[in-house]
């Protein structure tokens, strides 16, 4: 068992290293120059050279990859400042350490992801169970049609429509905004309602269809027919 876990662990490390290397080198294979993202429109050759120097982009790509991997564990020194471990580099857009940006955005991301997951699991599974229980009726056809429509929509389209209807039109909600749950749970909840609904609508359609098919299959099993007969 220990040898199996050790092999799995070593294999996972190799896969992570391969994925990181492929992703890193593909970034530099793009035709655009990374420093231009930070330099702006009115960029001069001198300013571009300074940015390349500050971010270490003037070094060979394999050397940059080595510094990137070692910096995750030991930190890195840039011309713009020191990046403590775990250092994922400096952002080309805001000139801040990438790890600090991730940590700053993590509570918002976690709130949206967990809340959206709860919504699409509860609503999607519930709709699928109802559609399976009333198979062949107008209720089943109604929910199946809604699932088909929801599966055909795109998040960016649903988001604009939700803002236009519920915020600008009906004035049921304020503009979605993140408020820390530790400071004001009510504002946190109301600010996340529209993002949760928009994020979950496509997943609701998928989960309702999967739940319906699985429920119909299980309801036709022998043990279910026997229980109904009894």
Protein backbone atom coordinates (compact mmCIF):
# COMPACT_ATOMS: atom_id res chain seq x y z
CA UNK A 1 0.00 0.00 0.00
CA UNK A 2 2.83 2.38 0.91
CA UNK A 3 4.64 1.66 -2.36
CA UNK A 4 1.42 2.30 -4.29
CA UNK A 5 0.87 5.67 -2.56
CA UNK A 6 4.51 6.60 -3.12
CA UNK A 7 4.27 5.82 -6.83
CA UNK A 8 1.08 7.85 -7.09
CA UNK A 9 2.67 10.76 -5.26
CA UNK A 10 5.78 10.76 -7.45
CA UNK A 11 3.63 10.44 -10.55
CA UNK A 12 1.53 13.43 -9.47
CA UNK A 13 4.69 15.51 -9.00
CA UNK A 14 5.90 14.61 -12.49
CA UNK A 15 2.52 15.50 -14.00
CA UNK A 16 2.43 18.85 -12.19
CA UNK A 17 5.95 19.65 -13.41
CA UNK A 18 5.06 18.73 -16.98
CA UNK A 19 1.88 20.79 -16.93
CA UNK A 20 3.69 23.80 -15.43
CA UNK A 21 6.48 23.57 -18.01
CA UNK A 22 4.11 23.22 -20.96
CA UNK A 23 1.94 26.10 -19.73
CA UNK A 24 4.98 28.30 -19.07
CA UNK A 25 6.59 27.73 -22.47
CA UNK A 26 3.28 28.06 -24.34
CA UNK A 27 2.87 31.51 -22.81
CA UNK A 28 6.12 32.61 -24.46
CA UNK A 29 5.16 30.91 -27.72
CA UNK A 30 2.36 33.44 -28.24
CA UNK A 31 3.06 36.09 -30.88
CA UNK A 32 2.43 38.98 -28.48
CA UNK A 33 5.19 40.33 -26.23
CA UNK A 34 4.38 40.05 -22.49
CA UNK A 35 6.04 43.36 -21.58
CA UNK A 36 3.70 45.25 -23.92
CA UNK A 37 0.78 44.30 -21.65
CA UNK A 38 2.38 46.40 -18.91
CA UNK A 39 3.88 49.13 -21.08
CA UNK A 40 0.66 50.48 -22.60
CA UNK A 41 -0.07 52.18 -25.91
CA UNK A 42 2.51 54.97 -25.77
CA UNK A 43 5.39 52.59 -25.20
CA UNK A 44 8.95 53.51 -26.05
CA UNK A 45 11.83 51.06 -26.60
CA UNK A 46 13.54 52.34 -23.45
CA UNK A 47 10.43 51.84 -21.33
CA UNK A 48 9.98 48.36 -22.81
CA UNK A 49 13.58 47.47 -21.97
CA UNK A 50 13.11 48.65 -18.38
CA UNK A 51 9.99 46.49 -17.96
CA UNK A 52 11.76 43.45 -19.38
CA UNK A 53 14.61 44.05 -16.94
CA UNK A 54 12.36 44.62 -13.95
CA UNK A 55 10.32 41.46 -14.55
CA UNK A 56 13.25 39.30 -15.62
CA UNK A 57 11.92 38.90 -19.14
CA UNK A 58 15.31 39.70 -20.68
CA UNK A 59 16.66 36.30 -19.60
CA UNK A 60 16.36 33.07 -21.64
CA UNK A 61 13.03 31.30 -21.23
CA UNK A 62 14.52 28.15 -19.58
CA UNK A 63 16.27 30.38 -17.03
CA UNK A 64 13.00 32.22 -16.37
CA UNK A 65 11.25 28.89 -15.81
CA UNK A 66 13.93 27.79 -13.35
CA UNK A 67 13.64 31.05 -11.44
CA UNK A 68 9.86 30.73 -11.48
CA UNK A 69 9.87 27.20 -10.02
CA UNK A 70 12.48 27.93 -7.38
CA UNK A 71 10.74 31.17 -6.47
CA UNK A 72 7.63 29.26 -5.47
CA UNK A 73 9.56 27.77 -2.55
CA UNK A 74 12.28 30.35 -1.83
CA UNK A 75 10.92 33.64 -3.17
CA UNK A 76 12.42 35.90 -5.83
CA UNK A 77 14.04 39.30 -6.10
CA UNK A 78 12.78 41.55 -8.88
CA UNK A 79 13.98 45.04 -9.72
CA UNK A 80 10.57 46.28 -8.59
CA UNK A 81 10.90 44.56 -5.21
CA UNK A 82 11.11 41.27 -3.37
CA UNK A 83 8.47 38.62 -3.93
CA UNK A 84 8.26 36.34 -0.87
CA UNK A 85 7.49 32.65 -1.11
CA UNK A 86 5.25 31.33 -2.49
CA UNK A 87 6.14 33.61 -5.38
CA UNK A 88 4.17 33.09 -8.60
CA UNK A 89 5.73 36.12 -10.25
CA UNK A 90 4.58 39.69 -10.78
CA UNK A 91 1.42 40.63 -12.64
CA UNK A 92 2.02 42.41 -15.93
CA UNK A 93 -1.15 44.46 -15.50
CA UNK A 94 -1.12 45.77 -11.90
CA UNK A 95 2.56 45.35 -10.95
CA UNK A 96 1.66 43.33 -7.86
CA UNK A 97 2.74 39.84 -6.81
CA UNK A 98 0.44 37.26 -8.35
CA UNK A 99 0.07 35.38 -5.06
CA UNK A 100 -1.13 38.52 -3.27
CA UNK A 101 -3.71 39.08 -6.00
CA UNK A 102 -4.94 35.48 -5.68
CA UNK A 103 -5.22 35.76 -1.89
CA UNK A 104 -7.06 39.08 -2.20
CA UNK A 105 -9.60 37.66 -4.68
CA UNK A 106 -9.96 34.25 -3.01
CA UNK A 107 -12.83 35.11 -0.59
CA UNK A 108 -14.91 36.50 -3.46
CA UNK A 109 -14.15 33.52 -5.68
CA UNK A 110 -14.92 31.06 -2.89
CA UNK A 111 -18.22 32.77 -2.08
CA UNK A 112 -19.36 32.70 -5.70
CA UNK A 113 -18.20 29.11 -6.32
CA UNK A 114 -19.66 27.56 -3.16
CA UNK A 115 -22.92 29.51 -3.33
CA UNK A 116 -23.37 28.68 -7.02
CA UNK A 117 -22.67 25.01 -6.32
CA UNK A 118 -25.30 24.90 -3.57
CA UNK A 119 -27.87 26.56 -5.84
CA UNK A 120 -27.36 24.35 -8.89
CA UNK A 121 -27.19 21.15 -6.84
CA UNK A 122 -30.37 21.85 -4.87
CA UNK A 123 -32.38 23.29 -7.75
CA UNK A 124 -31.00 21.01 -10.46
CA UNK A 125 -31.43 17.78 -8.51
CA UNK A 126 -34.85 18.89 -7.26
CA UNK A 127 -36.13 19.70 -10.75
CA UNK A 128 -34.77 16.41 -12.06
CA UNK A 129 -36.52 14.43 -9.32
CA UNK A 130 -39.83 16.20 -9.92
CA UNK A 131 -39.60 15.64 -13.68
CA UNK A 132 -38.85 11.95 -13.17
CA UNK A 133 -41.69 11.51 -10.66
CA UNK A 134 -44.17 13.03 -13.14
CA UNK A 135 -42.69 11.42 -16.22
CA UNK A 136 -44.71 11.99 -19.38
CA UNK A 137 -46.94 14.69 -17.87
CA UNK A 138 -46.98 18.40 -18.60
CA UNK A 139 -44.79 18.95 -15.53
CA UNK A 140 -42.09 16.74 -17.01
CA UNK A 141 -42.35 18.46 -20.39
CA UNK A 142 -42.27 21.90 -18.78
CA UNK A 143 -39.11 21.25 -16.76
CA UNK A 144 -37.47 19.42 -19.67
CA UNK A 145 -38.12 22.43 -21.91
CA UNK A 146 -36.67 24.78 -19.29
CA UNK A 147 -33.57 22.58 -19.01
CA UNK A 148 -33.11 22.61 -22.78
CA UNK A 149 -33.42 26.41 -22.88
CA UNK A 150 -31.07 26.85 -19.92
CA UNK A 151 -28.49 24.57 -21.50
CA UNK A 152 -28.56 26.72 -24.65
CA UNK A 153 -27.83 30.00 -22.86
CA UNK A 154 -24.45 31.58 -22.19
CA UNK A 155 -23.39 33.07 -18.86
CA UNK A 156 -22.41 36.45 -20.31
CA UNK A 157 -25.86 36.78 -21.92
CA UNK A 158 -27.74 35.68 -18.80
CA UNK A 159 -25.69 38.08 -16.68
CA UNK A 160 -26.61 41.11 -18.78
CA UNK A 161 -30.28 40.13 -18.85
CA UNK A 162 -30.33 39.55 -15.07
CA UNK A 163 -28.83 42.99 -14.43
CA UNK A 164 -31.25 44.64 -16.82
CA UNK A 165 -34.32 42.94 -15.35
CA UNK A 166 -33.68 42.56 -11.62
CA UNK A 167 -31.40 45.57 -11.02
CA UNK A 168 -32.28 48.25 -13.58
CA UNK A 169 -35.86 47.20 -14.35
CA UNK A 170 -37.55 45.78 -11.24
CA UNK A 171 -35.07 47.25 -8.72
CA UNK A 172 -35.27 44.09 -6.64
CA UNK A 173 -31.52 44.06 -6.00
CA UNK A 174 -28.66 46.52 -5.93
CA UNK A 175 -25.70 46.09 -8.24
CA UNK A 176 -23.91 42.84 -7.33
CA UNK A 177 -20.96 43.52 -5.06
CA UNK A 178 -18.89 41.51 -2.62
CA UNK A 179 -19.11 42.35 1.07
CA UNK A 180 -17.16 40.20 3.55
CA UNK A 181 -19.48 37.85 5.38
CA UNK A 182 -17.74 38.64 8.66
CA UNK A 183 -18.65 42.34 8.34
CA UNK A 184 -22.24 42.18 7.06
CA UNK A 185 -23.79 38.75 6.32
CA UNK A 186 -26.98 40.32 4.90
CA UNK A 187 -25.12 42.46 2.35
CA UNK A 188 -22.88 39.49 1.54
CA UNK A 189 -25.92 37.34 0.78
CA UNK A 190 -27.85 39.93 -1.23
CA UNK A 191 -24.75 40.89 -3.20
CA UNK A 192 -24.16 37.28 -4.21
CA UNK A 193 -27.70 36.30 -5.27
CA UNK A 194 -27.43 37.39 -8.91
CA UNK A 195 -23.89 35.94 -9.40
CA UNK A 196 -25.08 32.64 -7.90
CA UNK A 197 -28.11 32.45 -10.17
CA UNK A 198 -26.19 33.44 -13.30
CA UNK A 199 -23.36 31.02 -12.58
CA UNK A 200 -25.67 28.12 -11.76
CA UNK A 201 -28.27 28.36 -14.54
CA UNK A 202 -26.35 26.21 -17.05
CA UNK A 203 -25.37 23.69 -14.38
CA UNK A 204 -28.98 23.53 -13.20
CA UNK A 205 -30.01 22.51 -16.72
CA UNK A 206 -27.32 19.82 -16.93
CA UNK A 207 -27.92 18.40 -13.45
CA UNK A 208 -31.70 18.35 -13.87
CA UNK A 209 -31.41 16.33 -17.09
CA UNK A 210 -28.90 13.91 -15.58
CA UNK A 211 -30.96 13.51 -12.41
CA UNK A 212 -34.12 12.88 -14.42
CA UNK A 213 -32.52 10.15 -16.54
CA UNK A 214 -30.94 8.48 -13.51
CA UNK A 215 -34.18 8.64 -11.52
CA UNK A 216 -36.20 7.14 -14.38
CA UNK A 217 -33.66 4.34 -14.70
CA UNK A 218 -33.74 3.61 -10.98
CA UNK A 219 -37.54 3.78 -10.77
CA UNK A 220 -37.76 1.05 -13.42
CA UNK A 221 -35.57 -1.38 -11.46
CA UNK A 222 -36.98 -4.66 -10.14
CA UNK A 223 -36.70 -3.72 -6.49
CA UNK A 224 -38.77 -0.56 -7.05
CA UNK A 225 -41.52 -2.48 -8.88
CA UNK A 226 -41.51 -5.06 -6.09
CA UNK A 227 -41.81 -2.36 -3.43
CA UNK A 228 -44.72 -0.77 -5.29
CA UNK A 229 -46.43 -4.16 -5.67
CA UNK A 230 -46.16 -4.79 -1.96
